PDB file of N, CA and C in Angstrom:
ATOM      1  N   LYS A   1      20.586  30.840 254.425  1.00  0.00           N
ATOM      2  CA  LYS A   1      20.705  32.153 255.226  1.00  0.00           C
ATOM      3  C   LYS A   1      21.556  32.975 254.355  1.00  0.00           C
ATOM      4  N   GLY A   2      22.606  32.658 253.987  1.00  0.00           N
ATOM      5  CA  GLY A   2      23.521  33.560 253.077  1.00  0.00           C
ATOM      6  C   GLY A   2      22.833  34.067 251.978  1.00  0.00           C
ATOM      7  N   ASP A   3      22.046  33.333 251.249  1.00  0.00           N
ATOM      8  CA  ASP A   3      21.266  33.915 250.118  1.00  0.00           C
ATOM      9  C   ASP A   3      20.346  35.030 250.494  1.00  0.00           C
ATOM     10  N   VAL A   4      19.681  34.779 251.704  1.00  0.00           N
ATOM     11  CA  VAL A   4      18.713  35.654 252.212  1.00  0.00           C
ATOM     12  C   VAL A   4      19.346  37.006 252.681  1.00  0.00           C
ATOM     13  N   ALA A   5      20.382  36.854 253.265  1.00  0.00           N
ATOM     14  CA  ALA A   5      21.159  38.195 253.559  1.00  0.00           C
ATOM     15  C   ALA A   5      21.678  38.886 252.303  1.00  0.00           C
ATOM     16  N   ARG A   6      22.129  38.088 251.402  1.00  0.00           N
ATOM     17  CA  ARG A   6      22.549  38.703 250.057  1.00  0.00           C
ATOM     18  C   ARG A   6      21.449  39.385 249.468  1.00  0.00           C
ATOM     19  N   ALA A   7      20.315  38.695 249.418  1.00  0.00           N
ATOM     20  CA  ALA A   7      19.234  39.390 248.681  1.00  0.00           C
ATOM     21  C   ALA A   7      18.741  40.706 249.333  1.00  0.00           C
ATOM     22  N   SER A   8      18.734  40.670 250.792  1.00  0.00           N
ATOM     23  CA  SER A   8      18.542  41.892 251.552  1.00  0.00           C
ATOM     24  C   SER A   8      19.384  42.970 251.234  1.00  0.00           C
ATOM     25  N   ARG A   9      20.549  42.598 251.112  1.00  0.00           N
ATOM     26  CA  ARG A   9      21.605  43.676 250.807  1.00  0.00           C
ATOM     27  C   ARG A   9      21.444  44.119 249.561  1.00  0.00           C
ATOM     28  N   GLN A  10      21.104  43.219 248.431  1.00  0.00           N
ATOM     29  CA  GLN A  10      21.068  43.779 247.134  1.00  0.00           C
ATOM     30  C   GLN A  10      19.929  44.651 247.004  1.00  0.00           C
ATOM     31  N   GLY A  11      18.743  44.326 247.831  1.00  0.00           N
ATOM     32  CA  GLY A  11      17.510  45.236 247.770  1.00  0.00           C
ATOM     33  C   GLY A  11      17.881  46.634 248.274  1.00  0.00           C
ATOM     34  N   TRP A  12      18.644  46.498 249.377  1.00  0.00           N
ATOM     35  CA  TRP A  12      19.005  47.920 249.992  1.00  0.00           C
ATOM     36  C   TRP A  12      19.837  48.718 249.018  1.00  0.00           C
ATOM     37  N   PHE A  13      20.894  48.039 248.359  1.00  0.00           N
ATOM     38  CA  PHE A  13      21.807  48.790 247.374  1.00  0.00           C
ATOM     39  C   PHE A  13      20.877  49.325 246.251  1.00  0.00           C
ATOM     40  N   SER A  14      19.820  48.493 245.897  1.00  0.00           N
ATOM     41  CA  SER A  14      18.850  48.726 244.672  1.00  0.00           C
ATOM     42  C   SER A  14      18.212  50.159 245.158  1.00  0.00           C
ATOM     43  N   ARG A  15      17.753  50.181 246.293  1.00  0.00           N
ATOM     44  CA  ARG A  15      16.978  51.228 246.715  1.00  0.00           C
ATOM     45  C   ARG A  15      17.797  52.466 246.800  1.00  0.00           C
ATOM     46  N   PHE A  16      19.029  52.333 247.491  1.00  0.00           N
ATOM     47  CA  PHE A  16      20.097  53.484 247.617  1.00  0.00           C
ATOM     48  C   PHE A  16      20.389  54.063 246.192  1.00  0.00           C
ATOM     49  N   PHE A  17      20.705  53.171 245.406  1.00  0.00           N
ATOM     50  CA  PHE A  17      20.987  53.648 243.957  1.00  0.00           C
ATOM     51  C   PHE A  17      19.897  54.277 243.350  1.00  0.00           C
ATOM     52  N   SER A  18      18.633  53.754 243.432  1.00  0.00           N
ATOM     53  CA  SER A  18      17.413  54.298 242.924  1.00  0.00           C
ATOM     54  C   SER A  18      17.231  55.596 243.234  1.00  0.00           C
ATOM     55  N   VAL A  19      17.572  56.030 244.633  1.00  0.00           N
ATOM     56  CA  VAL A  19      17.285  57.372 245.067  1.00  0.00           C
ATOM     57  C   VAL A  19      18.178  58.223 244.684  1.00  0.00           C
ATOM     58  N   ILE A  20      19.518  57.663 244.380  1.00  0.00           N
ATOM     59  CA  ILE A  20      20.627  58.661 243.759  1.00  0.00           C
ATOM     60  C   ILE A  20      20.253  58.887 242.212  1.00  0.00           C
ATOM     61  N   SER A  21      19.987  57.599 241.624  1.00  0.00           N
ATOM     62  CA  SER A  21      19.856  57.618 240.081  1.00  0.00           C
ATOM     63  C   SER A  21      18.531  57.142 239.690  1.00  0.00           C
ATOM     64  N   PRO A  22      17.550  57.894 239.862  1.00  0.00           N
ATOM     65  CA  PRO A  22      16.148  57.520 239.386  1.00  0.00           C
ATOM     66  C   PRO A  22      16.085  56.906 238.132  1.00  0.00           C
ATOM     67  N   PHE A  23      17.046  57.356 237.238  1.00  0.00           N
ATOM     68  CA  PHE A  23      16.861  56.840 235.877  1.00  0.00           C
ATOM     69  C   PHE A  23      17.497  55.505 235.724  1.00  0.00           C
TER      70      PHE A  23
END
C-alpha cells in the first residue's frame, strides 16, 4: 500500500512539474 501511494504521489508531482517546466 505504501508503495502504491508513493507511486501515485510521484506521478502527481511529475505532472505538476511537467506543467510548470515542460522542458
